[in-house]
N, C-alpha and C. Protein backbone atom coordinates (compact mmCIF):
# COMPACT_ATOMS: atom_id res chain seq x y z
N MET A 1 22.04 16.36 -0.67
CA MET A 1 22.30 15.09 0.30
C MET A 1 20.91 14.45 1.61
N ILE A 2 21.63 13.94 1.65
CA ILE A 2 20.21 13.56 3.12
C ILE A 2 21.58 12.54 4.57
N SER A 3 21.56 13.53 4.95
CA SER A 3 22.27 13.13 6.68
C SER A 3 21.74 12.34 7.03
N ALA A 4 23.28 11.69 7.46
CA ALA A 4 22.69 10.05 8.43
C ALA A 4 21.71 10.61 9.28
N GLN A 5 21.35 11.32 10.64
CA GLN A 5 20.30 11.13 10.89
C GLN A 5 18.97 10.92 9.95
N SER A 6 19.21 11.52 8.83
CA SER A 6 18.05 11.48 8.18
C SER A 6 17.71 9.84 7.96
N TRP A 7 18.37 9.73 7.38
CA TRP A 7 18.52 7.54 6.97
C TRP A 7 18.40 7.55 8.45
N THR A 8 18.27 7.40 9.52
CA THR A 8 18.25 6.68 10.92
C THR A 8 17.06 7.06 11.12
N ASP A 9 16.25 8.11 10.88
CA ASP A 9 14.91 8.49 11.48
C ASP A 9 13.76 7.88 10.29
N ALA A 10 14.50 8.10 8.48
CA ALA A 10 12.98 6.90 7.93
C ALA A 10 13.53 5.74 8.10
N ARG A 11 14.60 4.90 8.27
CA ARG A 11 14.20 3.69 8.61
C ARG A 11 13.65 3.17 10.20
N GLN A 12 13.45 4.43 10.43
CA GLN A 12 12.46 3.43 12.25
C GLN A 12 10.53 4.64 11.48
N VAL A 13 10.60 4.56 11.35
CA VAL A 13 9.21 5.42 10.18
C VAL A 13 9.35 4.15 9.02
N TRP A 14 9.41 3.66 8.54
CA TRP A 14 10.08 2.97 7.55
C TRP A 14 9.41 1.28 8.15
N ASP A 15 9.98 0.91 9.88
CA ASP A 15 9.71 -0.23 10.87
C ASP A 15 7.85 0.12 11.14
N HIS A 16 8.19 1.31 12.11
CA HIS A 16 6.39 1.29 12.37
C HIS A 16 5.30 1.58 11.25
N HIS A 17 5.66 1.43 10.60
CA HIS A 17 4.77 1.22 8.99
C HIS A 17 4.76 -0.01 8.58
N LEU A 18 4.74 -0.52 9.02
CA LEU A 18 5.33 -2.27 8.81
C LEU A 18 4.44 -3.27 9.74
N MET A 19 3.08 -4.20 9.11
CA MET A 19 2.12 -4.49 10.58
C MET A 19 2.89 -5.85 10.65
N HIS A 20 3.89 -6.91 9.86
CA HIS A 20 4.70 -7.57 10.94
C HIS A 20 3.20 -9.05 10.26
N HIS A 21 2.63 -8.86 10.14
CA HIS A 21 1.48 -9.73 9.78
C HIS A 21 1.67 -10.71 8.99
N THR A 22 1.31 -12.11 9.42
CA THR A 22 1.97 -13.54 8.68
C THR A 22 0.27 -13.65 7.90
N PRO A 23 1.33 -13.37 6.26
CA PRO A 23 0.24 -14.10 5.53
C PRO A 23 -0.18 -15.56 5.03
N ARG A 24 -2.30 -15.77 5.32
CA ARG A 24 -2.48 -16.95 4.85
C ARG A 24 -3.73 -16.57 4.27
N PRO A 25 -3.97 -17.74 3.63
CA PRO A 25 -5.18 -17.76 2.99
C PRO A 25 -6.45 -17.16 3.84
N CYS A 26 -6.72 -16.21 2.42
CA CYS A 26 -8.07 -15.25 2.30
C CYS A 26 -9.02 -15.12 1.14
N SER A 27 -10.53 -14.82 1.88
CA SER A 27 -11.18 -14.81 0.41
C SER A 27 -10.80 -14.09 -1.02
N VAL A 28 -10.30 -13.29 -0.78
CA VAL A 28 -9.24 -12.32 -2.16
C VAL A 28 -8.67 -11.23 -1.65
N ILE A 29 -7.02 -10.74 -3.04
CA ILE A 29 -5.80 -10.52 -3.12
C ILE A 29 -5.89 -9.37 -3.26
N ILE A 30 -6.07 -7.76 -2.14
CA ILE A 30 -6.13 -6.75 -3.51
C ILE A 30 -4.80 -5.57 -3.88
N GLY A 31 -5.12 -5.57 -4.31
CA GLY A 31 -3.10 -5.47 -4.27
C GLY A 31 -2.90 -3.59 -5.17
N LEU A 32 -3.16 -3.06 -4.20
CA LEU A 32 -2.72 -1.54 -3.83
C LEU A 32 -1.88 -0.83 -5.35
N GLY A 33 -2.49 0.13 -6.13
CA GLY A 33 -2.07 0.79 -7.56
C GLY A 33 -0.95 1.86 -6.68
N SER A 34 0.60 1.78 -7.06
CA SER A 34 1.19 3.11 -6.71
C SER A 34 2.02 3.19 -7.65
N HIS A 35 3.32 3.23 -7.78
CA HIS A 35 4.87 3.57 -8.63
C HIS A 35 4.92 1.79 -8.40
N ASP A 36 4.95 1.80 -7.96
CA ASP A 36 5.95 0.75 -7.67
C ASP A 36 5.21 -0.91 -8.20
N LEU A 37 6.36 -1.36 -9.01
CA LEU A 37 4.92 -2.73 -9.21
C LEU A 37 5.75 -3.52 -9.02
N GLY A 38 6.38 -3.76 -8.27
CA GLY A 38 6.48 -5.12 -6.89
C GLY A 38 5.40 -5.14 -6.07
N VAL A 39 4.68 -4.20 -6.32
CA VAL A 39 3.11 -5.20 -5.54
C VAL A 39 2.37 -5.91 -6.22
N ALA A 40 2.33 -5.82 -7.80
CA ALA A 40 1.78 -6.53 -8.74
C ALA A 40 2.33 -7.99 -8.50
N ASP A 41 4.08 -7.96 -8.16
CA ASP A 41 4.41 -8.94 -8.11
C ASP A 41 4.47 -9.98 -7.05
N VAL A 42 4.60 -9.31 -6.18
CA VAL A 42 3.98 -9.94 -3.92
C VAL A 42 2.62 -10.05 -4.60
N SER A 43 1.83 -9.57 -5.32
CA SER A 43 0.56 -10.14 -5.22
C SER A 43 0.57 -11.76 -6.24
N ALA A 44 0.39 -10.92 -7.75
CA ALA A 44 0.83 -12.57 -7.99
C ALA A 44 1.62 -13.89 -7.41
N GLY A 45 2.63 -13.34 -6.85
CA GLY A 45 3.16 -14.32 -6.13
C GLY A 45 2.35 -15.24 -5.38
N PHE A 46 1.70 -14.39 -4.44
CA PHE A 46 0.40 -15.02 -3.50
C PHE A 46 -0.29 -15.58 -4.25
N TYR A 47 -1.21 -15.19 -5.53
CA TYR A 47 -1.81 -16.61 -5.53
C TYR A 47 -1.62 -17.51 -6.81
N LEU A 48 -0.67 -17.34 -6.75
CA LEU A 48 0.37 -18.92 -7.52
C LEU A 48 0.73 -19.56 -6.76
N ARG A 49 0.77 -19.44 -4.85
CA ARG A 49 1.29 -20.26 -4.06
C ARG A 49 -0.08 -20.15 -3.13
N GLY A 50 -1.74 -19.78 -3.78
CA GLY A 50 -2.23 -20.57 -3.58
C GLY A 50 -3.27 -19.38 -2.09
N PRO A 51 -3.03 -18.53 -1.16
CA PRO A 51 -4.05 -17.92 -0.63
C PRO A 51 -5.47 -17.31 -1.35
N ALA A 52 -5.48 -17.51 -1.81
CA ALA A 52 -6.28 -17.05 -2.87
C ALA A 52 -7.25 -17.35 -4.10
N PRO A 53 -8.26 -17.35 -4.00
CA PRO A 53 -8.38 -17.30 -5.71
C PRO A 53 -9.13 -16.40 -6.36
N VAL A 54 -9.11 -15.23 -5.84
CA VAL A 54 -8.95 -14.08 -6.79
C VAL A 54 -8.56 -12.60 -7.00
N VAL A 55 -8.03 -12.43 -7.96
CA VAL A 55 -6.96 -11.41 -6.90
C VAL A 55 -7.61 -9.42 -7.46
N VAL A 56 -8.16 -8.46 -7.24
CA VAL A 56 -8.47 -7.39 -7.65
C VAL A 56 -6.77 -6.61 -6.77
N PHE A 57 -6.73 -5.36 -8.91
CA PHE A 57 -5.50 -5.06 -8.77
C PHE A 57 -7.02 -2.97 -8.81
N THR A 58 -6.33 -2.15 -7.88
CA THR A 58 -7.14 -0.94 -7.61
C THR A 58 -5.75 -0.17 -8.36
N GLY A 59 -6.80 0.92 -8.86
CA GLY A 59 -5.76 2.18 -9.15
C GLY A 59 -6.26 2.88 -10.42
N SER A 60 -5.77 4.37 -10.63
CA SER A 60 -6.26 5.15 -10.98
C SER A 60 -4.47 5.59 -11.34
N THR A 61 -4.18 6.77 -11.58
CA THR A 61 -3.35 7.30 -12.16
C THR A 61 -2.80 8.36 -11.52
N SER A 62 -2.16 8.55 -10.78
CA SER A 62 -1.58 10.20 -9.96
C SER A 62 -0.54 10.68 -10.61
N PRO A 63 0.12 11.79 -10.41
CA PRO A 63 1.03 12.86 -10.94
C PRO A 63 2.82 11.62 -10.34
N THR A 64 2.61 11.52 -9.53
CA THR A 64 4.42 10.15 -9.94
C THR A 64 3.90 8.66 -11.27
N THR A 65 2.21 8.83 -11.31
CA THR A 65 2.42 7.47 -11.94
C THR A 65 1.74 7.43 -13.81
N ARG A 66 1.82 8.24 -13.85
CA ARG A 66 1.48 8.86 -15.02
C ARG A 66 1.66 8.75 -16.24
N ASP A 67 3.74 8.97 -15.34
CA ASP A 67 3.94 8.24 -16.80
C ASP A 67 4.79 7.03 -17.53
N ARG A 68 4.69 6.49 -16.20
CA ARG A 68 5.69 5.71 -16.67
C ARG A 68 4.54 4.51 -16.09
N MET A 69 2.82 5.01 -16.12
CA MET A 69 1.86 3.87 -16.30
C MET A 69 0.42 3.94 -15.90
N PRO A 70 0.62 4.29 -17.70
CA PRO A 70 0.34 5.64 -19.13
C PRO A 70 -1.63 5.29 -19.08
N ARG A 71 -1.46 3.25 -18.92
CA ARG A 71 -3.25 3.24 -19.04
C ARG A 71 -3.73 2.52 -17.30
N GLY A 72 -2.91 3.20 -16.66
CA GLY A 72 -3.20 3.04 -15.17
C GLY A 72 -2.82 1.79 -14.39
N GLU A 73 -2.53 2.19 -13.43
CA GLU A 73 -1.64 1.71 -12.18
C GLU A 73 -2.54 0.14 -12.09
N ALA A 74 -3.97 -0.26 -11.62
CA ALA A 74 -4.80 -1.29 -11.90
C ALA A 74 -4.46 -1.99 -13.53
N VAL A 75 -4.66 -1.19 -14.34
CA VAL A 75 -4.08 -1.91 -16.18
C VAL A 75 -2.75 -2.21 -15.96
N HIS A 76 -1.90 -1.92 -15.45
CA HIS A 76 -0.51 -2.11 -15.63
C HIS A 76 -0.89 -3.05 -14.23
N TYR A 77 -0.24 -2.90 -12.82
CA TYR A 77 -0.53 -3.95 -11.76
C TYR A 77 -0.98 -5.69 -12.95
N ARG A 78 -2.61 -5.41 -14.10
CA ARG A 78 -2.96 -6.85 -14.11
C ARG A 78 -1.80 -7.36 -14.88
N GLU A 79 -1.42 -6.85 -16.25
CA GLU A 79 -0.63 -6.46 -16.70
C GLU A 79 0.98 -7.81 -16.50
N ARG A 80 1.12 -7.04 -15.69
CA ARG A 80 1.98 -8.14 -14.63
C ARG A 80 2.45 -8.67 -14.38
N ALA A 81 0.53 -8.80 -13.70
CA ALA A 81 0.18 -10.59 -12.72
C ALA A 81 0.13 -11.34 -13.71
N LEU A 82 -0.62 -10.97 -15.39
CA LEU A 82 -0.54 -11.95 -16.38
C LEU A 82 0.58 -12.07 -16.62
N GLU A 83 1.88 -11.45 -17.30
CA GLU A 83 2.83 -12.16 -16.95
C GLU A 83 3.64 -13.18 -16.03
N LEU A 84 3.15 -12.97 -15.31
CA LEU A 84 3.48 -14.33 -14.00
C LEU A 84 3.28 -15.00 -14.00
N GLY A 85 1.79 -15.35 -14.91
CA GLY A 85 1.45 -16.83 -15.14
C GLY A 85 0.17 -16.69 -13.60
N VAL A 86 -0.65 -15.58 -13.66
CA VAL A 86 -1.92 -14.90 -13.04
C VAL A 86 -3.05 -15.60 -14.49
N PRO A 87 -3.91 -16.27 -14.34
CA PRO A 87 -4.52 -16.59 -15.31
C PRO A 87 -6.03 -15.19 -15.31
N GLU A 88 -6.21 -14.67 -16.43
CA GLU A 88 -7.11 -13.77 -17.24
C GLU A 88 -8.81 -13.86 -16.33
N SER A 89 -8.83 -15.19 -15.66
CA SER A 89 -10.40 -15.19 -15.30
C SER A 89 -9.73 -15.07 -13.36
N ALA A 90 -8.54 -15.22 -12.87
CA ALA A 90 -9.14 -14.46 -12.17
C ALA A 90 -8.10 -13.80 -10.94
N VAL A 91 -8.05 -12.50 -12.76
CA VAL A 91 -8.49 -11.17 -11.47
C VAL A 91 -9.56 -9.63 -12.03
N LEU A 92 -9.89 -9.09 -11.02
CA LEU A 92 -10.55 -8.09 -11.17
C LEU A 92 -9.55 -6.84 -11.47
N VAL A 93 -10.21 -6.46 -12.22
CA VAL A 93 -9.26 -4.85 -12.71
C VAL A 93 -10.34 -3.39 -12.13
N GLU A 94 -10.02 -2.90 -11.14
CA GLU A 94 -10.56 -1.93 -10.11
C GLU A 94 -9.94 -0.52 -11.43
N PRO A 95 -10.34 0.53 -12.32
CA PRO A 95 -9.25 1.47 -12.59
C PRO A 95 -9.33 2.91 -12.31
N HIS A 96 -10.62 3.10 -11.09
CA HIS A 96 -10.72 4.76 -10.80
C HIS A 96 -10.33 5.32 -9.77
N ALA A 97 -9.76 4.04 -8.25
CA ALA A 97 -9.90 4.66 -6.94
C ALA A 97 -8.47 5.69 -7.06
N ARG A 98 -8.69 6.67 -6.63
CA ARG A 98 -7.43 7.93 -6.69
C ARG A 98 -6.77 7.88 -5.35
N ASN A 99 -6.76 7.56 -3.76
CA ASN A 99 -6.58 7.54 -3.56
C ASN A 99 -7.03 5.73 -1.74
N THR A 100 -6.37 5.62 -0.12
CA THR A 100 -6.10 4.26 -0.18
C THR A 100 -7.35 4.36 0.21
N GLY A 101 -9.08 5.19 1.17
CA GLY A 101 -9.76 4.52 0.81
C GLY A 101 -11.22 4.75 -0.53
N GLU A 102 -10.72 5.33 -1.73
CA GLU A 102 -10.84 4.67 -2.53
C GLU A 102 -10.72 3.40 -3.27
N ASN A 103 -9.16 3.29 -3.44
CA ASN A 103 -9.31 1.66 -3.62
C ASN A 103 -9.88 0.69 -2.63
N ILE A 104 -10.82 0.83 -1.09
CA ILE A 104 -10.98 0.05 -0.24
C ILE A 104 -12.59 0.20 -0.75
N ARG A 105 -13.28 0.94 -0.91
CA ARG A 105 -14.23 1.83 -1.29
C ARG A 105 -15.03 0.28 -2.69
N PHE A 106 -13.48 0.83 -3.34
CA PHE A 106 -14.32 0.64 -4.61
C PHE A 106 -13.55 -0.73 -4.95
N SER A 107 -12.71 -1.86 -4.82
CA SER A 107 -12.25 -2.29 -4.15
C SER A 107 -13.98 -4.10 -3.92
N ARG A 108 -14.06 -2.99 -3.56
CA ARG A 108 -15.22 -3.50 -1.67
C ARG A 108 -17.29 -3.69 -2.99
N ALA A 109 -17.30 -2.97 -3.78
CA ALA A 109 -17.96 -3.07 -5.22
C ALA A 109 -17.69 -3.76 -6.61
N VAL A 110 -16.70 -3.91 -6.31
CA VAL A 110 -16.10 -5.03 -7.71
C VAL A 110 -16.46 -6.03 -7.53
N LEU A 111 -16.24 -6.76 -6.40
CA LEU A 111 -16.06 -7.91 -5.59
C LEU A 111 -17.37 -7.74 -5.84
N ALA A 112 -18.37 -7.06 -4.93
CA ALA A 112 -19.66 -7.35 -5.09
C ALA A 112 -20.33 -7.74 -5.75
N GLU A 113 -20.00 -6.68 -7.01
CA GLU A 113 -21.15 -7.04 -8.81
C GLU A 113 -20.35 -8.13 -9.46
N ALA A 114 -19.03 -9.17 -9.29
CA ALA A 114 -19.07 -10.18 -9.73
C ALA A 114 -19.32 -11.16 -8.49
N GLY A 115 -20.08 -11.34 -7.60
CA GLY A 115 -20.74 -12.03 -6.75
C GLY A 115 -19.52 -13.25 -6.62
N THR A 116 -18.12 -12.02 -5.06
CA THR A 116 -17.60 -13.00 -4.68
C THR A 116 -17.94 -12.38 -3.41
N ASP A 117 -17.44 -13.89 -1.97
CA ASP A 117 -18.13 -13.46 -1.22
C ASP A 117 -17.07 -13.60 -0.49
N VAL A 118 -16.82 -12.16 -0.02
CA VAL A 118 -15.30 -12.06 1.26
C VAL A 118 -15.41 -11.60 2.69
N ASP A 119 -15.19 -12.39 3.87
CA ASP A 119 -15.08 -13.03 4.69
C ASP A 119 -13.68 -12.31 5.50
N SER A 120 -12.66 -12.31 3.86
CA SER A 120 -10.83 -11.85 5.17
C SER A 120 -10.69 -11.58 3.31
N VAL A 121 -9.15 -10.64 3.50
CA VAL A 121 -8.45 -9.75 2.87
C VAL A 121 -7.11 -10.08 2.90
N LEU A 122 -6.78 -10.26 1.84
CA LEU A 122 -4.76 -9.50 2.18
C LEU A 122 -4.63 -8.25 1.06
N LEU A 123 -4.51 -7.85 2.13
CA LEU A 123 -4.02 -6.15 1.40
C LEU A 123 -2.72 -6.24 1.28
N VAL A 124 -2.40 -6.06 -0.27
CA VAL A 124 -0.52 -5.65 -0.59
C VAL A 124 -0.64 -4.65 -1.14
N THR A 125 -0.23 -4.06 -0.60
CA THR A 125 0.75 -2.46 -0.24
C THR A 125 1.73 -2.52 -0.75
N LYS A 126 2.66 -1.05 -0.78
CA LYS A 126 4.32 -0.45 -0.54
C LYS A 126 4.08 -1.30 0.93
N PRO A 127 5.39 -1.83 1.59
CA PRO A 127 6.11 -1.66 2.41
C PRO A 127 4.97 -0.58 3.09
N TYR A 128 5.84 0.52 3.26
CA TYR A 128 5.68 1.81 3.80
C TYR A 128 3.76 1.92 4.00
N GLU A 129 2.74 1.39 2.82
CA GLU A 129 1.66 1.78 3.45
C GLU A 129 0.59 0.46 3.72
N GLU A 130 1.92 -0.30 4.48
CA GLU A 130 0.88 -1.56 5.01
C GLU A 130 -0.24 -1.06 5.92
N ARG A 131 0.85 -0.28 6.98
CA ARG A 131 -0.59 0.41 8.74
C ARG A 131 -0.97 1.20 7.81
N ARG A 132 -1.30 1.87 7.31
CA ARG A 132 -2.66 3.11 6.67
C ARG A 132 -3.08 2.62 6.00
N ALA A 133 -2.84 1.30 5.26
CA ALA A 133 -4.32 0.74 3.81
C ALA A 133 -4.76 -0.61 5.21
N TYR A 134 -4.26 -0.98 5.98
CA TYR A 134 -4.60 -2.22 7.05
C TYR A 134 -5.98 -0.44 7.65
N ALA A 135 -5.25 -0.16 8.77
CA ALA A 135 -6.25 1.54 9.51
C ALA A 135 -7.99 1.48 9.32
N THR A 136 -6.87 1.67 7.18
CA THR A 136 -8.14 2.32 5.79
C THR A 136 -9.30 1.50 5.98
N ALA A 137 -8.99 -0.41 5.04
CA ALA A 137 -10.01 -0.52 5.43
C ALA A 137 -10.35 -1.74 6.43
N ARG A 138 -10.02 -1.34 7.70
CA ARG A 138 -10.55 -1.55 9.35
C ARG A 138 -12.04 -0.66 9.24
N LYS A 139 -11.63 0.07 9.12
CA LYS A 139 -12.22 0.98 9.02
C LYS A 139 -13.59 1.23 8.35
N LEU A 140 -13.43 1.42 6.59
CA LEU A 140 -14.29 0.93 5.62
C LEU A 140 -15.13 -0.31 5.25
N TRP A 141 -14.17 -0.84 5.61
CA TRP A 141 -14.87 -3.02 5.04
C TRP A 141 -14.34 -3.05 6.36
N PRO A 142 -15.01 -3.11 8.34
CA PRO A 142 -15.15 -3.33 9.37
C PRO A 142 -15.17 -5.25 9.14
N GLU A 143 -16.33 -4.93 8.96
CA GLU A 143 -17.08 -6.93 9.00
C GLU A 143 -15.76 -7.77 8.26
N VAL A 144 -14.74 -7.51 7.50
CA VAL A 144 -13.97 -8.74 6.69
C VAL A 144 -12.50 -8.69 7.86
N ASP A 145 -11.96 -9.33 7.68
CA ASP A 145 -10.57 -9.77 8.94
C ASP A 145 -9.96 -9.58 7.68
N VAL A 146 -8.94 -9.14 7.50
CA VAL A 146 -7.62 -7.71 6.47
C VAL A 146 -5.99 -7.85 7.72
N VAL A 147 -5.22 -8.68 7.21
CA VAL A 147 -3.83 -8.90 6.39
C VAL A 147 -3.27 -8.42 6.01
N SER A 148 -2.65 -8.23 5.90
CA SER A 148 -1.38 -6.82 5.63
C SER A 148 -0.53 -8.05 4.92
N ALA A 149 0.23 -7.09 4.03
CA ALA A 149 1.77 -7.77 3.00
C ALA A 149 2.45 -6.37 2.53
N SER A 150 3.34 -7.52 1.61
CA SER A 150 4.00 -6.31 0.80
C SER A 150 5.29 -7.22 0.37
N SER A 151 6.83 -6.50 -0.58
CA SER A 151 7.73 -7.06 -0.30
C SER A 151 8.09 -7.42 1.23
N ALA A 152 8.83 -8.29 0.87
CA ALA A 152 9.44 -8.84 2.42
C ALA A 152 11.21 -8.15 2.13
N MET A 153 11.97 -6.50 1.21
CA MET A 153 12.28 -6.26 1.03
C MET A 153 12.94 -5.16 2.28
N THR A 154 14.70 -5.87 3.10
CA THR A 154 14.81 -4.96 3.58
C THR A 154 13.96 -3.38 3.41
N PHE A 155 14.95 -2.32 4.34
CA PHE A 155 14.85 -0.76 3.15
C PHE A 155 15.70 -0.50 2.36
N GLU A 156 16.54 -0.57 3.15
CA GLU A 156 17.58 -0.67 1.58
C GLU A 156 17.67 -1.04 0.18
N LYS A 157 17.61 -1.61 0.48
CA LYS A 157 16.92 -2.65 -0.79
C LYS A 157 15.63 -2.75 -1.23
N TYR A 158 14.66 -1.78 -0.90
CA TYR A 158 13.30 -1.18 -1.24
C TYR A 158 13.82 -0.22 -1.79
N VAL A 159 14.40 0.64 -1.10
CA VAL A 159 15.11 2.62 -1.36
C VAL A 159 15.27 2.11 -2.71
N ALA A 160 17.42 1.21 -3.03
CA ALA A 160 17.88 0.90 -4.32
C ALA A 160 17.13 0.75 -5.03
N SER A 161 16.42 -0.37 -5.03
CA SER A 161 14.88 -0.99 -5.62
C SER A 161 13.99 0.42 -6.79
N ILE A 162 13.93 1.23 -5.49
CA ILE A 162 13.63 2.57 -6.19
C ILE A 162 13.95 3.69 -6.73
N GLY A 163 14.67 3.22 -6.83
CA GLY A 163 15.81 4.84 -7.11
C GLY A 163 16.14 5.94 -7.63
N ASN A 164 15.36 6.55 -6.04
CA ASN A 164 14.79 7.69 -5.20
C ASN A 164 15.12 8.29 -4.39
N ASP A 165 15.59 7.99 -3.65
CA ASP A 165 16.26 7.71 -2.25
C ASP A 165 14.79 9.68 -2.44
N ARG A 166 14.97 10.19 -1.83
CA ARG A 166 14.54 11.62 -1.84
C ARG A 166 12.43 11.01 -1.67
N LEU A 167 12.17 10.35 -2.24
CA LEU A 167 10.70 9.71 -2.81
C LEU A 167 10.29 9.60 -1.56
N VAL A 168 11.19 8.01 -1.96
CA VAL A 168 11.03 6.96 -0.63
C VAL A 168 10.92 7.63 0.16
N ILE A 169 11.59 8.62 1.33
CA ILE A 169 11.46 9.22 1.96
C ILE A 169 9.69 10.32 2.40
N ASP A 170 9.86 10.56 1.33
CA ASP A 170 8.70 11.74 1.48
C ASP A 170 7.49 11.56 1.61
N MET A 171 7.48 10.55 1.05
CA MET A 171 6.43 8.91 0.99
C MET A 171 6.18 7.85 2.37
N LEU A 172 7.43 7.38 3.37
CA LEU A 172 6.78 7.30 3.90
C LEU A 172 6.12 8.40 5.41
N VAL A 173 6.81 10.07 5.04
CA VAL A 173 6.40 11.15 6.03
C VAL A 173 5.09 11.12 5.83
N GLY A 174 4.91 10.99 4.26
CA GLY A 174 3.34 11.63 3.63
C GLY A 174 2.80 10.33 4.69
N ALA A 175 3.04 9.38 4.59
CA ALA A 175 1.56 8.44 5.15
C ALA A 175 1.67 7.59 6.73
N LEU A 176 3.15 8.26 7.30
CA LEU A 176 2.81 8.73 8.28
C LEU A 176 1.98 10.40 9.10
N GLN A 177 1.99 11.01 8.73
CA GLN A 177 1.42 12.33 8.58
C GLN A 177 0.07 11.77 8.70
N ARG A 178 -1.10 10.60 7.64
CA ARG A 178 -1.59 10.99 7.26
C ARG A 178 -2.29 9.49 8.67
N LEU A 179 -1.88 9.45 9.44
CA LEU A 179 -1.48 7.77 10.25
C LEU A 179 -1.89 9.05 11.16
N LEU A 180 -1.48 9.71 11.50
CA LEU A 180 -2.03 10.97 12.32
C LEU A 180 -2.88 12.06 12.51
N LEU A 181 -3.53 11.52 11.48
CA LEU A 181 -4.35 12.43 11.39
C LEU A 181 -6.05 12.66 10.28
N TYR A 182 -5.26 11.33 10.07
CA TYR A 182 -6.80 11.19 9.54
C TYR A 182 -7.85 9.53 10.44
N PRO A 183 -7.64 9.79 11.18
CA PRO A 183 -9.11 8.82 11.95
C PRO A 183 -9.60 10.36 12.67
N ALA A 184 -9.20 11.45 13.39
CA ALA A 184 -9.98 12.13 14.56
C ALA A 184 -10.94 12.55 12.43
N GLN A 185 -10.69 12.42 11.55
CA GLN A 185 -11.00 12.97 10.21
C GLN A 185 -12.35 11.47 9.62
N GLY A 186 -12.02 11.01 10.65
CA GLY A 186 -12.89 9.15 9.59
C GLY A 186 -12.52 8.86 8.65
N PHE A 187 -10.97 8.88 8.58
CA PHE A 187 -10.92 8.00 7.53
C PHE A 187 -10.33 6.59 7.87
N MET A 188 -10.31 6.40 8.70
CA MET A 188 -9.18 5.47 9.69
C MET A 188 -9.49 4.98 10.94
N ILE A 189 -8.92 4.36 11.03
CA ILE A 189 -9.08 3.58 12.38
C ILE A 189 -7.83 4.22 13.40
N GLU A 190 -7.50 4.45 14.14
CA GLU A 190 -6.99 4.60 15.74
C GLU A 190 -5.35 4.00 14.86
N GLN A 191 -4.09 4.21 15.23
CA GLN A 191 -2.70 3.68 15.22
C GLN A 191 -1.80 4.23 15.99
N PRO A 192 -1.66 3.83 17.12
CA PRO A 192 -0.94 4.81 17.96
C PRO A 192 0.72 4.31 17.15
N VAL A 193 1.21 6.26 17.21
CA VAL A 193 2.52 6.24 16.89
C VAL A 193 2.76 6.90 18.23
N PRO A 194 4.29 5.28 17.76
CA PRO A 194 5.21 5.79 19.05
C PRO A 194 5.92 7.18 19.93
N ASP A 195 5.94 7.36 20.71
CA ASP A 195 7.50 8.74 20.69
C ASP A 195 7.99 8.90 20.35
N GLU A 196 9.08 7.99 19.92
CA GLU A 196 10.02 7.67 19.32
C GLU A 196 9.92 7.77 17.56
N VAL A 197 9.16 7.46 17.26
CA VAL A 197 8.77 7.48 15.96
C VAL A 197 8.35 8.73 15.43
N ALA A 198 7.11 9.53 16.71
CA ALA A 198 6.53 10.23 15.75
C ALA A 198 7.93 11.52 16.00
N ALA A 199 8.80 11.29 16.67
CA ALA A 199 10.07 13.00 17.27
C ALA A 199 10.99 12.23 15.79
N ALA A 200 10.99 11.33 15.11
CA ALA A 200 12.10 10.53 14.00
C ALA A 200 10.98 11.31 13.06
N TYR A 201 9.70 11.57 12.66
CA TYR A 201 8.89 12.56 11.87
C TYR A 201 8.98 13.96 11.89
N GLU A 202 9.21 14.43 12.27
CA GLU A 202 8.71 15.62 13.01
C GLU A 202 10.04 15.76 12.21
N ARG A 203 11.06 15.94 12.76
CA ARG A 203 12.55 15.63 12.50
C ARG A 203 12.77 16.15 10.82
N LEU A 204 12.95 14.64 10.09
CA LEU A 204 12.48 14.56 9.13
C LEU A 204 11.34 15.89 8.06
N VAL A 205 11.04 16.18 8.87
CA VAL A 205 9.94 17.67 8.39
C VAL A 205 10.59 18.10 8.59
N GLU A 206 10.97 18.81 9.52
CA GLU A 206 11.91 19.58 10.04
C GLU A 206 13.33 19.51 8.97
N ALA A 207 13.73 18.74 8.17
CA ALA A 207 14.77 17.49 7.38
C ALA A 207 14.56 18.40 5.97
N GLY A 208 13.29 18.79 5.62
CA GLY A 208 13.17 19.49 4.30
C GLY A 208 12.02 18.36 3.43
N PHE A 209 11.91 16.68 4.42
CA PHE A 209 10.85 15.56 3.51
C PHE A 209 8.87 16.00 3.31
N THR A 210 9.17 16.70 2.34
CA THR A 210 7.97 17.10 2.81
C THR A 210 6.92 17.37 1.87
N SER A 211 7.36 16.49 -0.03
CA SER A 211 5.66 16.35 -1.24
C SER A 211 5.14 16.19 -0.62
N ARG A 212 5.02 15.09 0.17
CA ARG A 212 3.86 14.64 0.43
C ARG A 212 2.83 14.31 1.66
N LEU A 213 3.52 15.14 1.74
CA LEU A 213 2.45 16.41 3.15
C LEU A 213 1.65 16.91 2.55
N ILE A 214 -0.04 16.52 3.40
CA ILE A 214 -1.48 17.51 2.94
C ILE A 214 -0.90 19.14 4.21
N ALA A 215 -2.06 19.42 3.52
CA ALA A 215 -1.44 20.74 4.63
C ALA A 215 -2.68 20.49 5.32
């Protein structure tokens, strides 16, 4: 059972992860691979509404995605986008990245190889990865303007859509830990964490939502 306090804390951490950027036309859409195929849906929706002429899907596999996306996250995302009407000519695939930093670096290399000029990126992620991906991109690709985007679901609807409450909360906690640790390691820019969000994070850790924490 997940306590009422843990649900309240998880919702607070969720809210902090959202950047609340307004999507706008950019040079490219980059969809970061994960267990959530909804990232491909959101990326395709933006493309079909015209915010960018090129979509890059990036991601290999992980223990979370190996069974459900055996051909790799980026490949499954591409297939989903084509089903939704994105033309094959508009999609680039980066199938090797295994973390957010590699998502950014490898996508940048794929775009350079394709001869695509980039001065702005619409970065599409899971909702609770918006801030982490933004902070990583600003560190590794500082010359481009980064706009964060994700599914416009509420916390409750998102959890229901994934069908695994504990997995989502574990992911929320893991993403926040990286916001706290990674700037000092040079992996992302600093993103201040309000005291009340840090306290919610600590309570979730104490409650056992630790499977996505790093040592």
